[in-house]
Amino acid sequence: MLRLAARAASALALASALALAVTTPALADPPQPAATDIVGVGAGTTELLFDQFSTDYNASLAAAGDTTSPRLYSWDATGTTAITTKTGATPIVRPDRSGPGILTLNNTTSSAVDFARSTRGPATTDPSTDLFVAMAKDAVSWAAPAGGNAPANLTKAQLLGIYNCEITNWRQIGSSLPDATIVPVLAGHLLVDRLGVDGAAMDSSSFFLGAIGYLPPPYYGGGADRSCVRVVQRGDQGTDPVLHDPNAIVPYSVGRYVGQVYNGRTRPGDDQGVLTVRSLDGNPAVEEPSHRIGYALATSSFAYILYNTVRANEWNTADAHGWALRNIFGVFGWICRSPVAASLVRGYGFLSLANGACGSTRHS
C-alpha cells in the first residue's frame, strides 16, 4: 500500500509540474533580479525558452518552500538598449546574439552576469576561463516565402553558390524554375569587410555559412563582393519586408521554426511570418507527423549544440553561487533532469540531449 501511495504521489507531482510548465506565463525581460540571482544574456535563439525556464524554475523553488536559493533570470537579446542586469549593477548595452553575450560575460563579474546563452561552442578566440555547458540540440536549414519562386530543396553546393553570388537566377538551379533573380538574405547587424562575418554578429546565419563552406574575404572567388546578399536585423523570423520578396531565401533555426509554427511559441515580430522552412540536401527540415527537427538533418553537419557559457572558476566553487549554477545547468541540474524542463525544450522546438550529455562542459 505504501509503495502504491508513493507512486501515486510521484505521479501527481509530475502531472502538477507538467501542468505548471504549460499554464504559467513566461517572463520576457525580468523584474529587477537580486544581486545574488543567476542572470543571463545572449543568443536570441533560446531567449523564449529561457523566459519560460525562469518562470518555472523559480516556481519550483517556491513550491518546495525554498526562499533562499538564487533565482534564475534571462534578459532578451533585443529591447531597450541599456539594461541593469541585477540590483546594484552598472547599466550595460544589451548583448544581442551569442558573441556579444559571451563578450559581456568575460567583461563583467557575477555582480552583473552569470551566464551567456550561446548557439556555438568554444572558439579559439575565447579565453580558457570560459566553460560551455551543453543544454539541447538544434539544426539550421533555409527558408523562403510560401508561394514564392524557391524550390522545395536546395543542396549545400547550391546554397554556397547563392551566397557567393555565383548562382543568381533560379534557372541556374533548374530549367523549370522561374527566370527570376534570387535574393539571398542573412540576419545580423554587423558586416566585416562585406560579409566577412563571424559569430559576433550572427547566430543561425553564421553557423549556416560555416556549414555550407562559406569563406570570408579575401578567400572567395566568383561574385566579386557578394553584393547580392541582403541583411536583416533579426534572424529566425519572417516578418521583415525584405523576406516577403518571392525570391528571398534566409537561414533559419529549425528548432525555432518548430516552436513557432507547431507550438505557438511566438510574440509580435518574432514569428515565421510568410516563410516556410525547406529541405537541405534532400533532408526534410521537419519530421512528419511528429513535428520535430528532421532526423537526417539533426545528425548532419547542419546540427549544433545549444550551450550556456559560464565562468569556470565560479562553476567549480563550493559556495552558494557555484551550487546554484550546477543545480540549474549541470548534469544533475534542473534543466537536464526535470521533466518540466524536458517538456519545455521539446515544446520550444529543440531536441533533448541524453543524460550525461546535457550538462557536460567544454573549454575553448
Protein backbone atom coordinates (compact mmCIF):
# COMPACT_ATOMS: atom_id res chain seq x y z
CA MET A 1 0.00 0.00 0.00
CA LEU A 2 2.75 2.39 0.95
CA ARG A 3 4.52 1.70 -2.35
CA LEU A 4 1.32 2.37 -4.32
CA ALA A 5 0.71 5.55 -2.40
CA ALA A 6 4.25 6.70 -3.08
CA ARG A 7 3.83 6.01 -6.80
CA ALA A 8 0.54 7.89 -6.85
CA ALA A 9 2.11 10.86 -5.08
CA SER A 10 5.03 10.82 -7.51
CA ALA A 11 2.68 10.72 -10.50
CA LEU A 12 0.63 13.58 -9.06
CA ALA A 13 3.77 15.66 -8.53
CA LEU A 14 4.90 15.01 -12.10
CA ALA A 15 1.48 15.91 -13.50
CA SER A 16 1.41 19.09 -11.45
CA ALA A 17 4.89 20.04 -12.63
CA LEU A 18 3.98 19.49 -16.28
CA ALA A 19 0.79 21.48 -15.86
CA LEU A 20 2.84 24.30 -14.33
CA ALA A 21 5.07 24.38 -17.43
CA VAL A 22 2.02 24.79 -19.66
CA THR A 23 -0.07 27.23 -17.67
CA THR A 24 2.41 29.64 -16.05
CA PRO A 25 3.12 32.67 -18.28
CA ALA A 26 6.76 33.24 -19.27
CA LEU A 27 8.68 36.26 -18.03
CA ALA A 28 10.26 38.06 -21.04
CA ASP A 29 12.62 40.72 -19.59
CA PRO A 30 12.70 40.04 -15.85
CA PRO A 31 11.77 42.22 -12.91
CA GLN A 32 14.94 43.55 -11.29
CA PRO A 33 16.93 40.47 -10.21
CA ALA A 34 18.70 40.47 -6.86
CA ALA A 35 22.47 40.74 -6.73
CA THR A 36 22.72 37.03 -5.85
CA ASP A 37 20.42 35.73 -8.60
CA ILE A 38 21.65 33.77 -11.65
CA VAL A 39 21.26 36.10 -14.64
CA GLY A 40 21.95 35.52 -18.33
CA VAL A 41 22.13 37.37 -21.66
CA GLY A 42 23.00 36.48 -25.25
CA ALA A 43 21.54 34.44 -28.12
CA GLY A 44 18.03 35.18 -29.32
CA THR A 45 17.52 31.55 -30.43
CA THR A 46 16.90 30.36 -26.87
CA GLU A 47 15.60 33.55 -25.26
CA LEU A 48 11.94 32.49 -25.31
CA LEU A 49 12.84 29.10 -23.86
CA PHE A 50 14.76 30.82 -21.08
CA ASP A 51 11.89 33.18 -20.38
CA GLN A 52 9.82 30.08 -19.58
CA PHE A 53 12.70 28.31 -17.81
CA SER A 54 12.98 31.29 -15.47
CA THR A 55 9.29 31.25 -14.64
CA ASP A 56 9.10 27.51 -13.99
CA TYR A 57 12.42 27.05 -12.21
CA ASN A 58 11.63 29.87 -9.82
CA ALA A 59 8.14 28.44 -9.29
CA SER A 60 9.65 25.06 -8.46
CA LEU A 61 11.80 26.64 -5.74
CA ALA A 62 8.78 28.43 -4.30
CA ALA A 63 6.68 25.24 -4.41
CA ALA A 64 9.41 23.46 -2.43
CA GLY A 65 9.38 26.22 0.18
CA ASP A 66 12.87 27.38 -0.82
CA THR A 67 13.05 31.11 -0.18
CA THR A 68 16.85 31.48 -0.14
CA SER A 69 18.29 29.84 -3.29
CA PRO A 70 19.24 32.21 -6.12
CA ARG A 71 16.51 32.63 -8.73
CA LEU A 72 17.04 32.30 -12.48
CA TYR A 73 16.53 35.25 -14.84
CA SER A 74 17.34 35.94 -18.50
CA TRP A 75 17.45 39.18 -20.49
CA ASP A 76 16.19 39.03 -24.08
CA ALA A 77 18.56 39.75 -26.98
CA THR A 78 16.56 42.78 -28.13
CA GLY A 79 14.67 45.54 -26.36
CA THR A 80 15.83 48.70 -24.61
CA THR A 81 19.44 49.50 -25.47
CA ALA A 82 20.65 49.73 -21.87
CA ILE A 83 19.82 47.20 -19.15
CA THR A 84 20.63 46.97 -15.45
CA THR A 85 21.03 43.23 -15.16
CA LYS A 86 20.98 42.99 -11.35
CA THR A 87 20.33 45.19 -8.36
CA GLY A 88 23.41 47.35 -7.84
CA ALA A 89 24.95 46.55 -11.23
CA THR A 90 26.21 49.22 -13.60
CA PRO A 91 23.95 49.55 -16.67
CA ILE A 92 25.32 47.87 -19.80
CA VAL A 93 24.45 47.82 -23.50
CA ARG A 94 22.07 44.89 -24.05
CA PRO A 95 24.03 42.00 -25.64
CA ASP A 96 22.39 40.83 -28.87
CA ARG A 97 23.39 37.30 -30.01
CA SER A 98 25.91 34.73 -28.81
CA GLY A 99 29.17 36.61 -29.39
CA PRO A 100 28.19 39.82 -27.58
CA GLY A 101 26.69 37.73 -24.77
CA ILE A 102 29.93 35.81 -24.25
CA LEU A 103 31.95 39.03 -24.52
CA THR A 104 29.74 40.61 -21.84
CA LEU A 105 30.24 37.57 -19.60
CA ASN A 106 34.00 37.96 -19.97
CA ASN A 107 33.97 41.72 -19.37
CA THR A 108 31.84 41.64 -16.21
CA THR A 109 31.63 39.72 -12.94
CA SER A 110 28.86 37.81 -11.20
CA SER A 111 27.65 41.15 -9.85
CA ALA A 112 26.22 41.70 -13.36
CA VAL A 113 26.05 38.50 -15.49
CA ASP A 114 26.41 34.80 -14.66
CA PHE A 115 25.88 33.04 -17.99
CA ALA A 116 25.58 33.68 -21.72
CA ARG A 117 23.07 31.88 -23.93
CA SER A 118 25.09 30.56 -26.88
CA THR A 119 24.36 28.84 -30.18
CA ARG A 120 28.03 28.00 -30.65
CA GLY A 121 30.64 26.03 -28.80
CA PRO A 122 34.10 27.20 -27.74
CA ALA A 123 36.19 29.17 -30.23
CA THR A 124 39.94 29.65 -30.26
CA THR A 125 39.35 33.32 -29.53
CA ASP A 126 37.51 32.57 -26.26
CA PRO A 127 39.50 32.70 -23.02
CA SER A 128 40.23 29.34 -21.42
CA THR A 129 38.32 30.56 -18.37
CA ASP A 130 35.03 30.11 -20.26
CA LEU A 131 33.11 26.90 -19.77
CA PHE A 132 30.45 25.89 -22.30
CA VAL A 133 27.66 23.82 -20.75
CA ALA A 134 25.60 21.74 -23.20
CA MET A 135 21.81 22.11 -22.98
CA ALA A 136 19.95 20.91 -26.13
CA LYS A 137 20.28 20.41 -29.87
CA ASP A 138 19.16 22.48 -32.85
CA ALA A 139 19.73 22.44 -36.60
CA VAL A 140 19.75 25.11 -39.28
CA SER A 141 18.19 24.93 -42.73
CA TRP A 142 16.92 27.60 -45.10
CA ALA A 143 13.51 29.19 -45.52
CA ALA A 144 11.64 31.03 -48.28
CA PRO A 145 8.22 32.68 -48.69
CA ALA A 146 5.28 30.35 -49.23
CA GLY A 147 4.09 30.65 -52.82
CA GLY A 148 7.38 32.21 -53.93
CA ASN A 149 9.84 31.04 -56.56
CA ALA A 150 12.22 28.95 -54.43
CA PRO A 151 12.15 25.16 -54.84
CA ALA A 152 11.38 22.68 -52.05
CA ASN A 153 15.03 21.60 -51.77
CA LEU A 154 18.47 23.08 -52.26
CA THR A 155 21.83 21.37 -51.90
CA LYS A 156 24.77 22.56 -49.85
CA ALA A 157 26.65 23.35 -53.08
CA GLN A 158 23.73 25.35 -54.47
CA LEU A 159 23.40 27.34 -51.25
CA LEU A 160 27.12 28.11 -51.28
CA GLY A 161 26.82 29.30 -54.88
CA ILE A 162 23.87 31.50 -53.97
CA TYR A 163 25.59 33.15 -51.01
CA ASN A 164 28.78 33.60 -53.07
CA CYS A 165 26.63 35.44 -55.65
CA GLU A 166 27.67 32.89 -58.28
CA ILE A 167 24.16 31.42 -58.62
CA THR A 168 21.92 34.44 -59.05
CA ASN A 169 18.91 33.17 -61.01
CA TRP A 170 16.54 30.29 -60.25
CA ARG A 171 17.06 28.97 -63.80
CA GLN A 172 20.63 28.08 -62.77
CA ILE A 173 19.08 25.67 -60.23
CA GLY A 174 16.55 24.11 -62.60
CA SER A 175 15.23 24.90 -66.07
CA SER A 176 11.63 24.59 -64.86
CA LEU A 177 12.08 27.28 -62.21
CA PRO A 178 11.14 30.92 -62.88
CA ASP A 179 13.52 33.27 -64.66
CA ALA A 180 13.96 35.48 -61.60
CA THR A 181 16.83 36.90 -59.54
CA ILE A 182 17.49 35.15 -56.23
CA VAL A 183 17.58 37.38 -53.13
CA PRO A 184 19.83 35.75 -50.50
CA VAL A 185 19.39 37.22 -47.02
CA LEU A 186 21.38 36.90 -43.79
CA ALA A 187 20.48 38.03 -40.29
CA GLY A 188 22.93 40.26 -38.45
CA HIS A 189 23.68 43.87 -37.68
CA LEU A 190 27.43 43.88 -38.33
CA LEU A 191 29.26 43.25 -41.58
CA VAL A 192 33.02 42.85 -41.62
CA ASP A 193 34.63 43.66 -44.99
CA ARG A 194 31.42 42.88 -46.87
CA LEU A 195 30.17 39.65 -45.27
CA GLY A 196 33.46 38.63 -43.71
CA VAL A 197 31.31 37.70 -40.73
CA ASP A 198 31.87 35.77 -37.54
CA GLY A 199 29.80 34.67 -34.59
CA ALA A 200 29.97 38.11 -33.02
CA ALA A 201 27.42 39.35 -35.50
CA MET A 202 25.15 36.41 -36.21
CA ASP A 203 23.81 33.19 -34.73
CA SER A 204 21.83 30.91 -37.07
CA SER A 205 23.26 32.74 -40.09
CA SER A 206 26.89 32.44 -39.04
CA PHE A 207 26.57 28.73 -38.30
CA PHE A 208 24.79 28.23 -41.64
CA LEU A 209 27.60 29.99 -43.53
CA GLY A 210 30.18 27.76 -41.89
CA ALA A 211 28.14 24.63 -42.63
CA ILE A 212 27.86 25.39 -46.36
CA GLY A 213 31.60 26.06 -46.57
CA TYR A 214 31.47 29.83 -46.97
CA LEU A 215 34.85 31.54 -46.64
CA PRO A 216 35.08 35.23 -45.75
CA PRO A 217 37.11 37.70 -47.80
CA PRO A 218 39.70 37.50 -49.25
CA TYR A 219 39.37 33.73 -49.69
CA TYR A 220 36.49 33.58 -52.13
CA GLY A 221 36.14 33.63 -55.87
CA GLY A 222 33.11 34.12 -58.09
CA GLY A 223 30.93 37.12 -57.23
CA ALA A 224 33.34 39.99 -56.69
CA ASP A 225 31.98 41.40 -53.45
CA ARG A 226 28.90 39.31 -52.68
CA SER A 227 26.81 42.43 -53.10
CA CYS A 228 23.75 40.30 -53.92
CA VAL A 229 23.33 39.41 -50.23
CA ARG A 230 20.81 41.42 -48.20
CA VAL A 231 20.85 41.75 -44.40
CA VAL A 232 18.04 41.90 -41.85
CA GLN A 233 18.46 42.87 -38.23
CA ARG A 234 16.95 39.81 -36.57
CA GLY A 235 17.08 36.15 -37.53
CA ASP A 236 14.57 33.30 -37.27
CA GLN A 237 11.59 35.46 -38.21
CA GLY A 238 9.66 36.09 -41.40
CA THR A 239 8.11 39.47 -40.70
CA ASP A 240 10.84 41.71 -42.17
CA PRO A 241 9.64 43.22 -45.50
CA VAL A 242 12.68 42.01 -47.47
CA LEU A 243 11.67 38.43 -46.62
CA HIS A 244 8.33 38.95 -48.37
CA ASP A 245 10.14 39.07 -51.72
CA PRO A 246 9.09 35.89 -53.62
CA ASN A 247 12.77 35.29 -54.44
CA ALA A 248 14.15 35.66 -50.90
CA ILE A 249 15.89 32.87 -49.01
CA VAL A 250 17.34 33.03 -45.48
CA PRO A 251 18.97 30.66 -42.95
CA TYR A 252 16.55 29.56 -40.23
CA SER A 253 16.80 27.71 -36.93
CA VAL A 254 14.61 24.64 -37.40
CA GLY A 255 14.01 24.43 -33.66
CA ARG A 256 12.69 27.97 -33.58
CA TYR A 257 10.53 27.26 -36.62
CA VAL A 258 9.02 24.16 -34.99
CA GLY A 259 8.31 26.11 -31.82
CA GLN A 260 6.75 28.97 -33.75
CA VAL A 261 4.65 27.07 -36.28
CA TYR A 262 3.51 23.98 -34.39
CA ASN A 263 3.63 25.05 -30.75
CA GLY A 264 2.71 28.74 -30.87
CA ARG A 265 5.97 29.93 -29.27
CA THR A 266 5.86 33.39 -30.79
CA ARG A 267 5.37 37.04 -29.94
CA PRO A 268 4.93 40.13 -32.14
CA GLY A 269 7.80 40.44 -34.64
CA ASP A 270 9.17 37.04 -33.64
CA ASP A 271 7.28 34.55 -35.78
CA GLN A 272 7.71 32.75 -39.10
CA GLY A 273 5.54 35.24 -40.97
CA VAL A 274 5.45 34.32 -44.68
CA LEU A 275 8.33 31.84 -44.50
CA THR A 276 8.34 28.06 -44.71
CA VAL A 277 11.45 26.09 -43.86
CA ARG A 278 12.74 23.86 -46.71
CA SER A 279 14.74 20.66 -47.24
CA LEU A 280 18.52 20.73 -47.48
CA ASP A 281 20.47 18.09 -49.42
CA GLY A 282 17.19 16.17 -49.67
CA ASN A 283 16.80 16.06 -45.88
CA PRO A 284 13.46 17.42 -44.64
CA ALA A 285 13.87 20.18 -42.08
CA VAL A 286 10.83 19.00 -40.10
CA GLU A 287 9.90 15.38 -39.49
CA GLU A 288 6.28 14.41 -40.07
CA PRO A 289 3.99 13.71 -38.33
CA SER A 290 5.97 14.29 -35.14
CA HIS A 291 6.80 17.93 -35.97
CA ARG A 292 10.36 17.57 -34.75
CA ILE A 293 13.67 18.55 -36.33
CA GLY A 294 14.22 16.06 -39.15
CA TYR A 295 16.37 13.10 -38.06
CA ALA A 296 18.74 13.22 -41.04
CA LEU A 297 19.26 16.96 -40.63
CA ALA A 298 19.76 16.56 -36.87
CA THR A 299 22.59 14.10 -37.49
CA SER A 300 24.25 16.16 -40.21
CA SER A 301 26.79 18.97 -40.21
CA PHE A 302 23.87 21.40 -40.08
CA ALA A 303 23.05 20.39 -36.48
CA TYR A 304 24.61 22.07 -33.48
CA ILE A 305 24.54 22.05 -29.69
CA LEU A 306 22.95 24.88 -27.74
CA TYR A 307 25.12 25.95 -24.83
CA ASN A 308 25.15 28.20 -21.81
CA THR A 309 28.55 29.72 -21.14
CA VAL A 310 29.74 30.32 -17.57
CA ARG A 311 32.99 31.27 -15.84
CA ALA A 312 34.90 28.09 -14.99
CA ASN A 313 36.10 29.33 -11.60
CA GLU A 314 32.53 30.08 -10.49
CA TRP A 315 31.22 26.76 -11.82
CA ASN A 316 33.80 24.85 -9.80
CA THR A 317 33.41 26.61 -6.47
CA ALA A 318 31.65 25.02 -3.49
CA ASP A 319 29.87 28.22 -2.46
CA ALA A 320 26.17 29.04 -2.91
CA HIS A 321 26.81 30.62 -6.31
CA GLY A 322 28.60 27.56 -7.71
CA TRP A 323 25.93 25.24 -6.36
CA ALA A 324 23.22 27.39 -7.94
CA LEU A 325 24.91 27.26 -11.36
CA ARG A 326 25.28 23.47 -11.22
CA ASN A 327 21.76 23.00 -9.82
CA ILE A 328 20.39 24.82 -12.87
CA PHE A 329 22.72 23.82 -15.73
CA GLY A 330 24.66 20.76 -14.57
CA VAL A 331 24.34 17.08 -15.46
CA PHE A 332 22.06 16.59 -12.45
CA GLY A 333 20.60 20.09 -12.61
CA TRP A 334 17.04 21.24 -13.23
CA ILE A 335 17.38 21.83 -16.98
CA CYS A 336 18.86 18.36 -17.61
CA ARG A 337 16.81 16.25 -15.18
CA SER A 338 13.49 17.99 -14.59
CA PRO A 339 10.57 16.57 -16.63
CA VAL A 340 9.22 20.13 -16.78
CA ALA A 341 12.41 21.39 -18.42
CA ALA A 342 12.48 18.43 -20.83
CA SER A 343 8.91 19.20 -21.85
CA LEU A 344 9.81 22.85 -22.41
CA VAL A 345 12.86 22.02 -24.56
CA ARG A 346 10.63 19.93 -26.83
CA GLY A 347 7.79 22.46 -26.71
CA TYR A 348 10.08 25.22 -27.93
CA GLY A 349 11.16 23.01 -30.86
CA PHE A 350 14.58 21.74 -29.80
CA LEU A 351 15.90 18.22 -29.19
CA SER A 352 16.82 16.97 -25.73
CA LEU A 353 20.30 15.63 -25.09
CA ALA A 354 20.89 12.27 -23.44
CA ASN A 355 21.64 12.00 -19.72
CA GLY A 356 25.31 12.79 -19.29
CA ALA A 357 25.50 14.82 -22.50
CA CYS A 358 23.16 17.50 -21.18
CA GLY A 359 25.15 19.46 -18.63
CA SER A 360 28.52 18.30 -19.95
CA THR A 361 31.16 21.02 -20.28
CA ARG A 362 33.77 22.10 -22.80
CA HIS A 363 36.65 24.60 -22.70
CA SER A 364 37.99 26.65 -25.59
